[in-house]
Amino acid sequence: MSRPDGAVGVEPWDAEWAAARAAEALRYLGTHYPECLDAPRVLDEHEEDAYEAAVRGDKDAYLEAFRCYMRAGRAEALRIVGVRREKGYGGCAGCGEGLGNRCDI
């Protein structure tokens, strides 16, 4: 198969598909591990990996980069929650959620 730009054997990159996968990863983290969104630098490496995979047109590497992105976000969120609990702040920005209290935010 050939593309108009002359590349042979390479399928064109589907930007809509890629954007949907990125949105799914961010939505997953925002829904399940929102604490990690306060520390976005932790995710930079994986965003760069996804970008590089997109430039290469490598869908498998793109998906793997976002899997790692979600794992890193989960790990960072759990670290943040652990620190908050150690300091007695609770699970939700200090309101006590996760320690038997209900968050009313």
N, C-alpha and C. Protein backbone atom coordinates (compact mmCIF):
# COMPACT_ATOMS: atom_id res chain seq x y z
N MET A 1 0.85 -1.16 0.00
CA MET A 1 0.00 0.00 0.00
C MET A 1 0.90 1.23 0.00
N SER A 2 0.47 2.28 -0.67
CA SER A 2 1.29 3.48 -0.72
C SER A 2 0.43 4.70 -0.40
N ARG A 3 1.07 5.68 0.21
CA ARG A 3 0.38 6.92 0.56
C ARG A 3 0.72 7.99 -0.46
N PRO A 4 -0.08 9.05 -0.50
CA PRO A 4 0.20 10.13 -1.45
C PRO A 4 1.58 10.75 -1.26
N ASP A 5 2.12 10.73 -0.05
CA ASP A 5 3.44 11.33 0.19
C ASP A 5 4.57 10.39 -0.20
N GLY A 6 4.22 9.21 -0.73
CA GLY A 6 5.22 8.28 -1.23
C GLY A 6 5.61 7.18 -0.27
N ALA A 7 5.16 7.23 0.99
CA ALA A 7 5.50 6.18 1.95
C ALA A 7 4.80 4.89 1.54
N VAL A 8 5.53 3.80 1.59
CA VAL A 8 4.99 2.51 1.18
C VAL A 8 4.84 1.61 2.40
N GLY A 9 3.70 0.91 2.49
CA GLY A 9 3.48 -0.05 3.56
C GLY A 9 3.17 0.58 4.90
N VAL A 10 2.88 1.86 4.91
CA VAL A 10 2.57 2.55 6.16
C VAL A 10 1.17 3.10 6.06
N GLU A 11 0.36 2.78 7.05
CA GLU A 11 -1.00 3.30 7.06
C GLU A 11 -0.99 4.74 7.58
N PRO A 12 -1.86 5.60 7.07
CA PRO A 12 -1.90 6.98 7.55
C PRO A 12 -2.32 7.02 9.02
N TRP A 13 -1.77 7.98 9.75
CA TRP A 13 -2.10 8.13 11.16
C TRP A 13 -3.50 8.69 11.29
N ASP A 14 -4.29 8.07 12.14
CA ASP A 14 -5.67 8.49 12.37
C ASP A 14 -5.69 9.39 13.60
N ALA A 15 -5.68 10.69 13.36
CA ALA A 15 -5.61 11.67 14.46
C ALA A 15 -6.84 11.60 15.36
N GLU A 16 -8.00 11.32 14.80
CA GLU A 16 -9.21 11.20 15.62
C GLU A 16 -9.11 10.00 16.56
N TRP A 17 -8.63 8.89 16.04
CA TRP A 17 -8.43 7.69 16.87
C TRP A 17 -7.45 7.99 17.99
N ALA A 18 -6.34 8.64 17.65
CA ALA A 18 -5.31 8.96 18.63
C ALA A 18 -5.86 9.90 19.71
N ALA A 19 -6.60 10.91 19.29
CA ALA A 19 -7.17 11.86 20.25
C ALA A 19 -8.17 11.17 21.17
N ALA A 20 -8.93 10.25 20.65
CA ALA A 20 -9.89 9.50 21.46
C ALA A 20 -9.18 8.65 22.50
N ARG A 21 -8.06 8.00 22.12
CA ARG A 21 -7.30 7.18 23.07
C ARG A 21 -6.69 8.06 24.17
N ALA A 22 -6.17 9.21 23.80
CA ALA A 22 -5.59 10.13 24.78
C ALA A 22 -6.67 10.63 25.74
N ALA A 23 -7.83 10.96 25.20
CA ALA A 23 -8.94 11.43 26.03
C ALA A 23 -9.41 10.34 26.99
N GLU A 24 -9.44 9.09 26.52
CA GLU A 24 -9.83 7.98 27.39
C GLU A 24 -8.86 7.84 28.56
N ALA A 25 -7.57 7.94 28.29
CA ALA A 25 -6.56 7.81 29.34
C ALA A 25 -6.72 8.93 30.37
N LEU A 26 -6.88 10.16 29.89
CA LEU A 26 -7.03 11.29 30.81
C LEU A 26 -8.33 11.18 31.60
N ARG A 27 -9.39 10.76 30.95
CA ARG A 27 -10.68 10.59 31.63
C ARG A 27 -10.58 9.51 32.71
N TYR A 28 -9.89 8.41 32.40
CA TYR A 28 -9.68 7.33 33.37
C TYR A 28 -8.97 7.87 34.61
N LEU A 29 -7.88 8.59 34.39
CA LEU A 29 -7.15 9.12 35.54
C LEU A 29 -7.98 10.15 36.31
N GLY A 30 -8.66 11.02 35.58
CA GLY A 30 -9.47 12.03 36.25
C GLY A 30 -10.61 11.44 37.05
N THR A 31 -11.14 10.33 36.59
CA THR A 31 -12.26 9.68 37.27
C THR A 31 -11.79 8.85 38.46
N HIS A 32 -10.74 8.06 38.26
CA HIS A 32 -10.31 7.11 39.29
C HIS A 32 -9.16 7.59 40.17
N TYR A 33 -8.32 8.47 39.64
CA TYR A 33 -7.13 8.92 40.38
C TYR A 33 -6.91 10.42 40.17
N PRO A 34 -7.89 11.24 40.54
CA PRO A 34 -7.78 12.68 40.25
C PRO A 34 -6.59 13.36 40.92
N GLU A 35 -6.07 12.77 41.99
CA GLU A 35 -4.93 13.38 42.68
C GLU A 35 -3.73 13.53 41.76
N CYS A 36 -3.57 12.61 40.82
CA CYS A 36 -2.39 12.66 39.95
C CYS A 36 -2.43 13.86 39.03
N LEU A 37 -3.60 14.43 38.80
CA LEU A 37 -3.69 15.58 37.91
C LEU A 37 -3.08 16.82 38.54
N ASP A 38 -2.82 16.77 39.86
CA ASP A 38 -2.13 17.86 40.55
C ASP A 38 -0.62 17.76 40.36
N ALA A 39 -0.14 16.68 39.78
CA ALA A 39 1.30 16.46 39.59
C ALA A 39 1.56 16.01 38.15
N PRO A 40 1.23 16.86 37.17
CA PRO A 40 1.31 16.43 35.78
C PRO A 40 2.71 16.12 35.28
N ARG A 41 3.77 16.63 35.93
CA ARG A 41 5.14 16.35 35.47
C ARG A 41 5.45 14.87 35.52
N VAL A 42 4.77 14.12 36.39
CA VAL A 42 4.98 12.68 36.49
C VAL A 42 4.57 12.00 35.18
N LEU A 43 3.67 12.61 34.46
CA LEU A 43 3.13 12.01 33.24
C LEU A 43 3.89 12.44 31.98
N ASP A 44 4.77 13.42 32.10
CA ASP A 44 5.46 13.99 30.94
C ASP A 44 6.18 12.94 30.10
N GLU A 45 6.93 12.07 30.75
CA GLU A 45 7.71 11.06 30.03
C GLU A 45 6.80 10.21 29.13
N HIS A 46 5.64 9.86 29.65
CA HIS A 46 4.73 8.99 28.91
C HIS A 46 4.01 9.76 27.80
N GLU A 47 3.75 11.03 28.03
CA GLU A 47 3.18 11.85 26.96
C GLU A 47 4.18 11.99 25.82
N GLU A 48 5.45 12.15 26.16
CA GLU A 48 6.49 12.24 25.14
C GLU A 48 6.59 10.93 24.36
N ASP A 49 6.52 9.81 25.08
CA ASP A 49 6.55 8.50 24.41
C ASP A 49 5.37 8.35 23.44
N ALA A 50 4.20 8.81 23.86
CA ALA A 50 3.02 8.73 23.00
C ALA A 50 3.20 9.63 21.77
N TYR A 51 3.75 10.81 21.99
CA TYR A 51 3.98 11.72 20.87
C TYR A 51 4.95 11.09 19.86
N GLU A 52 6.04 10.53 20.37
CA GLU A 52 7.02 9.90 19.48
C GLU A 52 6.41 8.73 18.71
N ALA A 53 5.57 7.95 19.38
CA ALA A 53 4.91 6.84 18.70
C ALA A 53 3.97 7.36 17.61
N ALA A 54 3.28 8.46 17.90
CA ALA A 54 2.38 9.05 16.92
C ALA A 54 3.16 9.54 15.70
N VAL A 55 4.30 10.16 15.94
CA VAL A 55 5.13 10.64 14.83
C VAL A 55 5.58 9.48 13.95
N ARG A 56 5.89 8.35 14.58
CA ARG A 56 6.29 7.15 13.83
C ARG A 56 5.10 6.44 13.20
N GLY A 57 3.88 6.76 13.68
CA GLY A 57 2.70 6.07 13.18
C GLY A 57 2.55 4.68 13.79
N ASP A 58 3.11 4.48 14.97
CA ASP A 58 3.12 3.17 15.63
C ASP A 58 1.99 3.09 16.66
N LYS A 59 0.87 2.53 16.25
CA LYS A 59 -0.30 2.46 17.12
C LYS A 59 -0.05 1.60 18.36
N ASP A 60 0.66 0.50 18.21
CA ASP A 60 0.94 -0.35 19.38
C ASP A 60 1.76 0.39 20.43
N ALA A 61 2.80 1.08 19.98
CA ALA A 61 3.63 1.85 20.92
C ALA A 61 2.83 3.01 21.51
N TYR A 62 1.94 3.60 20.73
CA TYR A 62 1.09 4.69 21.21
C TYR A 62 0.20 4.19 22.35
N LEU A 63 -0.44 3.05 22.13
CA LEU A 63 -1.30 2.48 23.18
C LEU A 63 -0.49 2.10 24.41
N GLU A 64 0.69 1.53 24.22
CA GLU A 64 1.53 1.16 25.36
C GLU A 64 1.97 2.39 26.14
N ALA A 65 2.25 3.48 25.44
CA ALA A 65 2.64 4.72 26.12
C ALA A 65 1.50 5.20 27.02
N PHE A 66 0.26 5.10 26.54
CA PHE A 66 -0.86 5.53 27.37
C PHE A 66 -1.18 4.54 28.48
N ARG A 67 -0.87 3.26 28.29
CA ARG A 67 -0.99 2.31 29.40
C ARG A 67 -0.01 2.71 30.51
N CYS A 68 1.21 3.01 30.12
CA CYS A 68 2.23 3.44 31.09
C CYS A 68 1.82 4.77 31.73
N TYR A 69 1.22 5.65 30.95
CA TYR A 69 0.71 6.93 31.43
C TYR A 69 -0.30 6.71 32.55
N MET A 70 -1.22 5.79 32.32
CA MET A 70 -2.25 5.51 33.33
C MET A 70 -1.63 4.85 34.56
N ARG A 71 -0.69 3.94 34.37
CA ARG A 71 -0.02 3.30 35.52
C ARG A 71 0.74 4.34 36.34
N ALA A 72 1.45 5.23 35.67
CA ALA A 72 2.22 6.27 36.36
C ALA A 72 1.27 7.21 37.12
N GLY A 73 0.15 7.56 36.50
CA GLY A 73 -0.83 8.41 37.17
C GLY A 73 -1.41 7.74 38.40
N ARG A 74 -1.73 6.46 38.27
CA ARG A 74 -2.26 5.71 39.41
C ARG A 74 -1.23 5.64 40.53
N ALA A 75 0.01 5.35 40.19
CA ALA A 75 1.07 5.25 41.21
C ALA A 75 1.26 6.59 41.91
N GLU A 76 1.24 7.68 41.16
CA GLU A 76 1.42 9.00 41.76
C GLU A 76 0.23 9.35 42.65
N ALA A 77 -0.97 9.04 42.20
CA ALA A 77 -2.16 9.32 43.03
C ALA A 77 -2.10 8.54 44.33
N LEU A 78 -1.72 7.28 44.26
CA LEU A 78 -1.62 6.47 45.48
C LEU A 78 -0.52 7.00 46.40
N ARG A 79 0.57 7.50 45.82
CA ARG A 79 1.63 8.09 46.63
C ARG A 79 1.11 9.35 47.33
N ILE A 80 0.40 10.20 46.59
CA ILE A 80 -0.14 11.44 47.16
C ILE A 80 -1.12 11.14 48.28
N VAL A 81 -2.02 10.20 48.05
CA VAL A 81 -3.01 9.83 49.08
C VAL A 81 -2.29 9.27 50.30
N GLY A 82 -1.27 8.46 50.09
CA GLY A 82 -0.51 7.90 51.21
C GLY A 82 0.15 8.98 52.03
N VAL A 83 0.73 9.97 51.39
CA VAL A 83 1.37 11.08 52.10
C VAL A 83 0.33 11.87 52.88
N ARG A 84 -0.81 12.11 52.26
CA ARG A 84 -1.87 12.85 52.95
C ARG A 84 -2.34 12.09 54.18
N ARG A 85 -2.48 10.79 54.06
CA ARG A 85 -2.93 9.99 55.21
C ARG A 85 -1.88 9.98 56.30
N GLU A 86 -0.61 9.87 55.92
CA GLU A 86 0.47 9.90 56.91
C GLU A 86 0.45 11.20 57.70
N LYS A 87 0.10 12.29 57.01
CA LYS A 87 0.07 13.60 57.66
C LYS A 87 -1.27 13.87 58.32
N GLY A 88 -2.21 12.92 58.19
CA GLY A 88 -3.51 13.08 58.82
C GLY A 88 -4.49 13.93 58.04
N TYR A 89 -4.23 14.13 56.74
CA TYR A 89 -5.10 14.98 55.92
C TYR A 89 -6.27 14.24 55.30
N GLY A 90 -6.25 12.96 55.28
CA GLY A 90 -7.33 12.21 54.64
C GLY A 90 -7.05 12.02 53.16
N GLY A 91 -8.02 11.50 52.45
CA GLY A 91 -7.83 11.14 51.06
C GLY A 91 -8.20 12.22 50.06
N CYS A 92 -9.00 13.18 50.43
CA CYS A 92 -9.49 14.15 49.45
C CYS A 92 -9.08 15.56 49.84
N ALA A 93 -7.91 15.94 49.43
CA ALA A 93 -7.43 17.31 49.63
C ALA A 93 -7.66 17.80 51.05
N GLY A 94 -7.57 16.92 52.00
CA GLY A 94 -7.65 17.32 53.39
C GLY A 94 -9.03 17.27 54.02
N CYS A 95 -10.06 16.86 53.28
CA CYS A 95 -11.40 16.87 53.87
C CYS A 95 -11.67 15.62 54.70
N GLY A 96 -10.81 14.62 54.59
CA GLY A 96 -10.99 13.42 55.39
C GLY A 96 -11.64 12.28 54.66
N GLU A 97 -12.03 12.46 53.40
CA GLU A 97 -12.62 11.36 52.66
C GLU A 97 -11.62 10.20 52.63
N GLY A 98 -12.12 9.03 52.77
CA GLY A 98 -11.25 7.85 52.80
C GLY A 98 -10.87 7.45 54.21
N LEU A 99 -11.17 8.29 55.16
CA LEU A 99 -10.91 7.98 56.56
C LEU A 99 -12.20 7.87 57.34
N GLY A 100 -13.25 7.48 56.66
CA GLY A 100 -14.54 7.32 57.31
C GLY A 100 -15.42 8.55 57.23
N ASN A 101 -14.92 9.62 56.65
CA ASN A 101 -15.69 10.85 56.50
C ASN A 101 -16.22 10.96 55.07
N ARG A 102 -17.30 11.67 54.91
CA ARG A 102 -17.88 11.88 53.58
C ARG A 102 -17.42 13.22 53.04
N CYS A 103 -17.02 13.23 51.78
CA CYS A 103 -16.58 14.48 51.15
C CYS A 103 -17.80 15.21 50.61
N ASP A 104 -17.94 16.46 50.95
CA ASP A 104 -19.07 17.27 50.48
C ASP A 104 -18.66 18.27 49.41
N ILE A 105 -17.48 18.11 48.86
CA ILE A 105 -17.02 19.06 47.85
C ILE A 105 -17.83 18.86 46.58
